[in-house]
């Protein structure tokens, strides 16, 4: 039979490995998002707040209307 002390010791040993790994993962995520935001030419916040109309109102206008990206 397994006593509670050995279960808590195993849990503590696992958490000592998990917490630094989680911190490194979150740091890499934040660094990656910062690099992505710096390198991409699109300002996603402006695209969400003020979306541009990319699709024409009627399909027959699609051939004559240029698509606006900016």
PDB file of N, CA and C in Angstrom:
ATOM      1  N   UNK A   1       0.838  -1.178   0.000  1.00  0.00           N
ATOM      2  CA  UNK A   1       0.000   0.000   0.000  1.00  0.00           C
ATOM      3  C   UNK A   1       0.891   1.252   0.000  1.00  0.00           C
ATOM      4  N   UNK A   2       0.479   2.249  -0.741  1.00  0.00           N
ATOM      5  CA  UNK A   2       1.233   3.487  -0.861  1.00  0.00           C
ATOM      6  C   UNK A   2       0.762   4.460   0.217  1.00  0.00           C
ATOM      7  N   UNK A   3       1.712   4.987   0.959  1.00  0.00           N
ATOM      8  CA  UNK A   3       1.309   5.952   1.973  1.00  0.00           C
ATOM      9  C   UNK A   3       1.271   7.363   1.373  1.00  0.00           C
ATOM     10  N   UNK A   4       0.636   8.252   2.050  1.00  0.00           N
ATOM     11  CA  UNK A   4       0.404   9.611   1.550  1.00  0.00           C
ATOM     12  C   UNK A   4       1.700  10.404   1.430  1.00  0.00           C
ATOM     13  N   UNK A   5       2.680  10.099   2.259  1.00  0.00           N
ATOM     14  CA  UNK A   5       3.946  10.822   2.225  1.00  0.00           C
ATOM     15  C   UNK A   5       4.686  10.601   0.910  1.00  0.00           C
ATOM     16  N   UNK A   6       4.673   9.372   0.410  1.00  0.00           N
ATOM     17  CA  UNK A   6       5.358   9.091  -0.849  1.00  0.00           C
ATOM     18  C   UNK A   6       4.634   9.745  -2.027  1.00  0.00           C
ATOM     19  N   UNK A   7       3.329   9.856  -1.958  1.00  0.00           N
ATOM     20  CA  UNK A   7       2.565  10.534  -3.008  1.00  0.00           C
ATOM     21  C   UNK A   7       2.903  12.025  -3.012  1.00  0.00           C
ATOM     22  N   UNK A   8       2.964  12.646  -1.850  1.00  0.00           N
ATOM     23  CA  UNK A   8       3.294  14.065  -1.762  1.00  0.00           C
ATOM     24  C   UNK A   8       4.737  14.335  -2.190  1.00  0.00           C
ATOM     25  N   UNK A   9       5.652  13.407  -1.883  1.00  0.00           N
ATOM     26  CA  UNK A   9       7.039  13.572  -2.322  1.00  0.00           C
ATOM     27  C   UNK A   9       7.142  13.514  -3.847  1.00  0.00           C
ATOM     28  N   UNK A  10       6.425  12.602  -4.446  1.00  0.00           N
ATOM     29  CA  UNK A  10       6.438  12.493  -5.903  1.00  0.00           C
ATOM     30  C   UNK A  10       5.811  13.731  -6.544  1.00  0.00           C
ATOM     31  N   UNK A  11       4.736  14.224  -5.964  1.00  0.00           N
ATOM     32  CA  UNK A  11       4.092  15.436  -6.476  1.00  0.00           C
ATOM     33  C   UNK A  11       5.021  16.644  -6.363  1.00  0.00           C
ATOM     34  N   UNK A  12       5.717  16.772  -5.258  1.00  0.00           N
ATOM     35  CA  UNK A  12       6.649  17.887  -5.070  1.00  0.00           C
ATOM     36  C   UNK A  12       7.808  17.793  -6.056  1.00  0.00           C
ATOM     37  N   UNK A  13       8.302  16.600  -6.296  1.00  0.00           N
ATOM     38  CA  UNK A  13       9.406  16.437  -7.243  1.00  0.00           C
ATOM     39  C   UNK A  13       8.951  16.793  -8.657  1.00  0.00           C
ATOM     40  N   UNK A  14       7.746  16.410  -9.021  1.00  0.00           N
ATOM     41  CA  UNK A  14       7.222  16.727 -10.341  1.00  0.00           C
ATOM     42  C   UNK A  14       6.967  18.212 -10.527  1.00  0.00           C
ATOM     43  N   UNK A  15       6.475  18.862  -9.485  1.00  0.00           N
ATOM     44  CA  UNK A  15       6.213  20.298  -9.574  1.00  0.00           C
ATOM     45  C   UNK A  15       7.503  21.109  -9.680  1.00  0.00           C
ATOM     46  N   UNK A  16       8.565  20.623  -9.068  1.00  0.00           N
ATOM     47  CA  UNK A  16       9.838  21.320  -9.163  1.00  0.00           C
ATOM     48  C   UNK A  16      10.381  21.301 -10.587  1.00  0.00           C
ATOM     49  N   UNK A  17       9.987  20.341 -11.379  1.00  0.00           N
ATOM     50  CA  UNK A  17      10.386  20.293 -12.786  1.00  0.00           C
ATOM     51  C   UNK A  17       9.371  21.056 -13.641  1.00  0.00           C
ATOM     52  N   UNK A  18       8.108  20.945 -13.324  1.00  0.00           N
ATOM     53  CA  UNK A  18       7.040  21.529 -14.134  1.00  0.00           C
ATOM     54  C   UNK A  18       7.031  23.060 -14.080  1.00  0.00           C
ATOM     55  N   UNK A  19       7.219  23.646 -12.934  1.00  0.00           N
ATOM     56  CA  UNK A  19       7.118  25.099 -12.810  1.00  0.00           C
ATOM     57  C   UNK A  19       8.193  25.854 -13.595  1.00  0.00           C
ATOM     58  N   UNK A  20       9.459  25.479 -13.534  1.00  0.00           N
ATOM     59  CA  UNK A  20      10.434  26.179 -14.395  1.00  0.00           C
ATOM     60  C   UNK A  20      10.176  25.954 -15.884  1.00  0.00           C
ATOM     61  N   UNK A  21       9.752  24.740 -16.239  1.00  0.00           N
ATOM     62  CA  UNK A  21       9.435  24.470 -17.647  1.00  0.00           C
ATOM     63  C   UNK A  21       8.271  25.338 -18.108  1.00  0.00           C
ATOM     64  N   UNK A  22       7.265  25.514 -17.286  1.00  0.00           N
ATOM     65  CA  UNK A  22       6.128  26.367 -17.615  1.00  0.00           C
ATOM     66  C   UNK A  22       6.566  27.827 -17.757  1.00  0.00           C
ATOM     67  N   UNK A  23       7.443  28.283 -16.867  1.00  0.00           N
ATOM     68  CA  UNK A  23       7.926  29.667 -16.934  1.00  0.00           C
ATOM     69  C   UNK A  23       8.722  29.901 -18.213  1.00  0.00           C
ATOM     70  N   UNK A  24       9.570  28.960 -18.587  1.00  0.00           N
ATOM     71  CA  UNK A  24      10.350  29.099 -19.823  1.00  0.00           C
ATOM     72  C   UNK A  24       9.432  29.087 -21.027  1.00  0.00           C
ATOM     73  N   UNK A  25       8.418  28.233 -21.023  1.00  0.00           N
ATOM     74  CA  UNK A  25       7.470  28.171 -22.132  1.00  0.00           C
ATOM     75  C   UNK A  25       6.722  29.489 -22.287  1.00  0.00           C
ATOM     76  N   UNK A  26       6.259  30.067 -21.200  1.00  0.00           N
ATOM     77  CA  UNK A  26       5.547  31.341 -21.271  1.00  0.00           C
ATOM     78  C   UNK A  26       6.474  32.466 -21.730  1.00  0.00           C
ATOM     79  N   UNK A  27       7.726  32.447 -21.274  1.00  0.00           N
ATOM     80  CA  UNK A  27       8.680  33.466 -21.705  1.00  0.00           C
ATOM     81  C   UNK A  27       8.936  33.366 -23.209  1.00  0.00           C
ATOM     82  N   UNK A  28       9.102  32.153 -23.721  1.00  0.00           N
ATOM     83  CA  UNK A  28       9.311  31.968 -25.161  1.00  0.00           C
ATOM     84  C   UNK A  28       8.085  32.396 -25.960  1.00  0.00           C
ATOM     85  N   UNK A  29       6.897  32.143 -25.426  1.00  0.00           N
ATOM     86  CA  UNK A  29       5.675  32.581 -26.100  1.00  0.00           C
ATOM     87  C   UNK A  29       5.622  34.097 -26.179  1.00  0.00           C
ATOM     88  N   UNK A  30       5.907  34.764 -25.092  1.00  0.00           N
ATOM     89  CA  UNK A  30       5.874  36.232 -25.066  1.00  0.00           C
ATOM     90  C   UNK A  30       6.926  36.811 -26.008  1.00  0.00           C
ATOM     91  N   UNK A  31       8.121  36.224 -26.011  1.00  0.00           N
ATOM     92  CA  UNK A  31       9.171  36.692 -26.920  1.00  0.00           C
ATOM     93  C   UNK A  31       8.761  36.481 -28.369  1.00  0.00           C
ATOM     94  N   UNK A  32       8.174  35.335 -28.664  1.00  0.00           N
ATOM     95  CA  UNK A  32       7.731  35.056 -30.028  1.00  0.00           C
ATOM     96  C   UNK A  32       6.642  35.993 -30.487  1.00  0.00           C
ATOM     97  N   UNK A  33       5.696  36.298 -29.634  1.00  0.00           N
ATOM     98  CA  UNK A  33       4.625  37.230 -29.995  1.00  0.00           C
ATOM     99  C   UNK A  33       5.198  38.630 -30.190  1.00  0.00           C
ATOM    100  N   UNK A  34       6.149  39.030 -29.366  1.00  0.00           N
ATOM    101  CA  UNK A  34       6.763  40.352 -29.515  1.00  0.00           C
ATOM    102  C   UNK A  34       7.521  40.457 -30.843  1.00  0.00           C
ATOM    103  N   UNK A  35       8.248  39.417 -31.198  1.00  0.00           N
ATOM    104  CA  UNK A  35       8.966  39.426 -32.480  1.00  0.00           C
ATOM    105  C   UNK A  35       7.980  39.453 -33.638  1.00  0.00           C
ATOM    106  N   UNK A  36       6.922  38.660 -33.550  1.00  0.00           N
ATOM    107  CA  UNK A  36       5.909  38.638 -34.611  1.00  0.00           C
ATOM    108  C   UNK A  36       5.266  40.014 -34.784  1.00  0.00           C
ATOM    109  N   UNK A  37       4.904  40.642 -33.671  1.00  0.00           N
ATOM    110  CA  UNK A  37       4.269  41.961 -33.744  1.00  0.00           C
ATOM    111  C   UNK A  37       5.221  43.001 -34.330  1.00  0.00           C
ATOM    112  N   UNK A  38       6.520  42.847 -34.072  1.00  0.00           N
ATOM    113  CA  UNK A  38       7.506  43.810 -34.570  1.00  0.00           C
ATOM    114  C   UNK A  38       7.772  43.619 -36.064  1.00  0.00           C
ATOM    115  N   UNK A  39       7.753  42.377 -36.533  1.00  0.00           N
ATOM    116  CA  UNK A  39       8.150  42.092 -37.909  1.00  0.00           C
ATOM    117  C   UNK A  39       7.016  42.169 -38.927  1.00  0.00           C
ATOM    118  N   UNK A  40       5.793  41.889 -38.520  1.00  0.00           N
ATOM    119  CA  UNK A  40       4.699  41.883 -39.488  1.00  0.00           C
ATOM    120  C   UNK A  40       4.261  43.310 -39.788  1.00  0.00           C
ATOM    121  N   UNK A  41       3.916  43.569 -41.060  1.00  0.00           N
ATOM    122  CA  UNK A  41       3.534  44.933 -41.435  1.00  0.00           C
ATOM    123  C   UNK A  41       2.102  45.292 -41.041  1.00  0.00           C
ATOM    124  N   UNK A  42       1.318  44.334 -40.577  1.00  0.00           N
ATOM    125  CA  UNK A  42      -0.077  44.598 -40.245  1.00  0.00           C
ATOM    126  C   UNK A  42      -0.209  44.946 -38.772  1.00  0.00           C
ATOM    127  N   UNK A  43      -1.017  45.932 -38.494  1.00  0.00           N
ATOM    128  CA  UNK A  43      -1.329  46.263 -37.109  1.00  0.00           C
ATOM    129  C   UNK A  43      -2.651  45.591 -36.785  1.00  0.00           C
ATOM    130  N   UNK A  44      -2.589  44.421 -36.142  1.00  0.00           N
ATOM    131  CA  UNK A  44      -3.784  43.612 -35.918  1.00  0.00           C
ATOM    132  C   UNK A  44      -4.816  44.341 -35.061  1.00  0.00           C
ATOM    133  N   UNK A  45      -4.364  45.133 -34.127  1.00  0.00           N
ATOM    134  CA  UNK A  45      -5.307  45.842 -33.269  1.00  0.00           C
ATOM    135  C   UNK A  45      -6.173  46.796 -34.093  1.00  0.00           C
ATOM    136  N   UNK A  46      -5.573  47.514 -35.043  1.00  0.00           N
ATOM    137  CA  UNK A  46      -6.347  48.398 -35.905  1.00  0.00           C
ATOM    138  C   UNK A  46      -7.256  47.614 -36.837  1.00  0.00           C
ATOM    139  N   UNK A  47      -6.813  46.458 -37.313  1.00  0.00           N
ATOM    140  CA  UNK A  47      -7.652  45.643 -38.182  1.00  0.00           C
ATOM    141  C   UNK A  47      -8.887  45.134 -37.454  1.00  0.00           C
ATOM    142  N   UNK A  48      -8.749  44.861 -36.167  1.00  0.00           N
ATOM    143  CA  UNK A  48      -9.895  44.375 -35.394  1.00  0.00           C
ATOM    144  C   UNK A  48     -10.825  45.525 -35.027  1.00  0.00           C
ATOM    145  N   UNK A  49     -10.257  46.645 -34.614  1.00  0.00           N
ATOM    146  CA  UNK A  49     -11.075  47.772 -34.171  1.00  0.00           C
ATOM    147  C   UNK A  49     -11.772  48.440 -35.357  1.00  0.00           C
ATOM    148  N   UNK A  50     -11.029  48.667 -36.439  1.00  0.00           N
ATOM    149  CA  UNK A  50     -11.581  49.336 -37.616  1.00  0.00           C
ATOM    150  C   UNK A  50     -11.396  48.444 -38.843  1.00  0.00           C
ATOM    151  N   UNK A  51     -12.234  47.417 -39.006  1.00  0.00           N
ATOM    152  CA  UNK A  51     -12.037  46.518 -40.150  1.00  0.00           C
ATOM    153  C   UNK A  51     -12.352  47.217 -41.471  1.00  0.00           C
ATOM    154  N   UNK A  52     -11.561  46.920 -42.463  1.00  0.00           N
ATOM    155  CA  UNK A  52     -11.804  47.451 -43.806  1.00  0.00           C
ATOM    156  C   UNK A  52     -12.702  46.487 -44.547  1.00  0.00           C
ATOM    157  N   UNK A  53     -13.499  47.023 -45.426  1.00  0.00           N
ATOM    158  CA  UNK A  53     -14.388  46.166 -46.205  1.00  0.00           C
ATOM    159  C   UNK A  53     -13.584  45.590 -47.362  1.00  0.00           C
ATOM    160  N   UNK A  54     -13.339  44.294 -47.328  1.00  0.00           N
ATOM    161  CA  UNK A  54     -12.529  43.644 -48.348  1.00  0.00           C
ATOM    162  C   UNK A  54     -13.379  42.994 -49.437  1.00  0.00           C
ATOM    163  N   UNK A  55     -14.649  42.755 -49.144  1.00  0.00           N
ATOM    164  CA  UNK A  55     -15.515  42.070 -50.087  1.00  0.00           C
ATOM    165  C   UNK A  55     -16.481  43.086 -50.682  1.00  0.00           C
ATOM    166  N   UNK A  56     -16.630  43.117 -52.027  1.00  0.00           N
ATOM    167  CA  UNK A  56     -17.582  44.052 -52.629  1.00  0.00           C
ATOM    168  C   UNK A  56     -19.015  43.677 -52.276  1.00  0.00           C
ATOM    169  N   UNK A  57     -19.908  44.657 -52.350  1.00  0.00           N
ATOM    170  CA  UNK A  57     -21.305  44.420 -51.996  1.00  0.00           C
ATOM    171  C   UNK A  57     -21.985  43.478 -52.980  1.00  0.00           C
ATOM    172  N   UNK A  58     -21.616  43.599 -54.252  1.00  0.00           N
ATOM    173  CA  UNK A  58     -22.192  42.718 -55.274  1.00  0.00           C
ATOM    174  C   UNK A  58     -21.061  41.998 -55.978  1.00  0.00           C
ATOM    175  N   UNK A  59     -21.322  40.762 -56.381  1.00  0.00           N
ATOM    176  CA  UNK A  59     -20.272  39.972 -57.001  1.00  0.00           C
ATOM    177  C   UNK A  59     -19.871  40.495 -58.373  1.00  0.00           C
ATOM    178  N   UNK A  60     -20.770  41.170 -59.085  1.00  0.00           N
ATOM    179  CA  UNK A  60     -20.395  41.683 -60.403  1.00  0.00           C
ATOM    180  C   UNK A  60     -19.437  42.864 -60.298  1.00  0.00           C
ATOM    181  N   UNK A  61     -19.317  43.451 -59.120  1.00  0.00           N
ATOM    182  CA  UNK A  61     -18.357  44.530 -58.915  1.00  0.00           C
ATOM    183  C   UNK A  61     -16.973  43.999 -58.571  1.00  0.00           C
ATOM    184  N   UNK A  62     -16.868  42.716 -58.333  1.00  0.00           N
ATOM    185  CA  UNK A  62     -15.608  42.146 -57.867  1.00  0.00           C
ATOM    186  C   UNK A  62     -14.503  42.278 -58.912  1.00  0.00           C
ATOM    187  N   UNK A  63     -14.837  42.176 -60.195  1.00  0.00           N
ATOM    188  CA  UNK A  63     -13.819  42.249 -61.231  1.00  0.00           C
ATOM    189  C   UNK A  63     -13.332  43.673 -61.438  1.00  0.00           C
ATOM    190  N   UNK A  64     -14.107  44.661 -61.068  1.00  0.00           N
ATOM    191  CA  UNK A  64     -13.774  46.046 -61.331  1.00  0.00           C
ATOM    192  C   UNK A  64     -13.292  46.811 -60.099  1.00  0.00           C
ATOM    193  N   UNK A  65     -13.398  46.182 -58.937  1.00  0.00           N
ATOM    194  CA  UNK A  65     -13.039  46.890 -57.708  1.00  0.00           C
ATOM    195  C   UNK A  65     -11.749  46.280 -57.142  1.00  0.00           C
ATOM    196  N   UNK A  66     -10.713  47.079 -56.956  1.00  0.00           N
ATOM    197  CA  UNK A  66      -9.494  46.546 -56.370  1.00  0.00           C
ATOM    198  C   UNK A  66      -9.709  46.237 -54.888  1.00  0.00           C
ATOM    199  N   UNK A  67      -8.981  45.268 -54.421  1.00  0.00           N
ATOM    200  CA  UNK A  67      -9.068  44.894 -53.016  1.00  0.00           C
ATOM    201  C   UNK A  67      -8.170  45.831 -52.217  1.00  0.00           C
ATOM    202  N   UNK A  68      -8.728  46.422 -51.166  1.00  0.00           N
ATOM    203  CA  UNK A  68      -7.972  47.330 -50.312  1.00  0.00           C
ATOM    204  C   UNK A  68      -7.395  46.533 -49.125  1.00  0.00           C
ATOM    205  N   UNK A  69      -6.113  46.633 -48.964  1.00  0.00           N
ATOM    206  CA  UNK A  69      -5.485  45.970 -47.815  1.00  0.00           C
ATOM    207  C   UNK A  69      -5.048  46.964 -46.768  1.00  0.00           C
ATOM    208  N   UNK A  70      -4.943  48.218 -47.096  1.00  0.00           N
ATOM    209  CA  UNK A  70      -4.470  49.226 -46.129  1.00  0.00           C
ATOM    210  C   UNK A  70      -5.522  50.216 -45.840  1.00  0.00           C
TER     211      UNK A  70
END
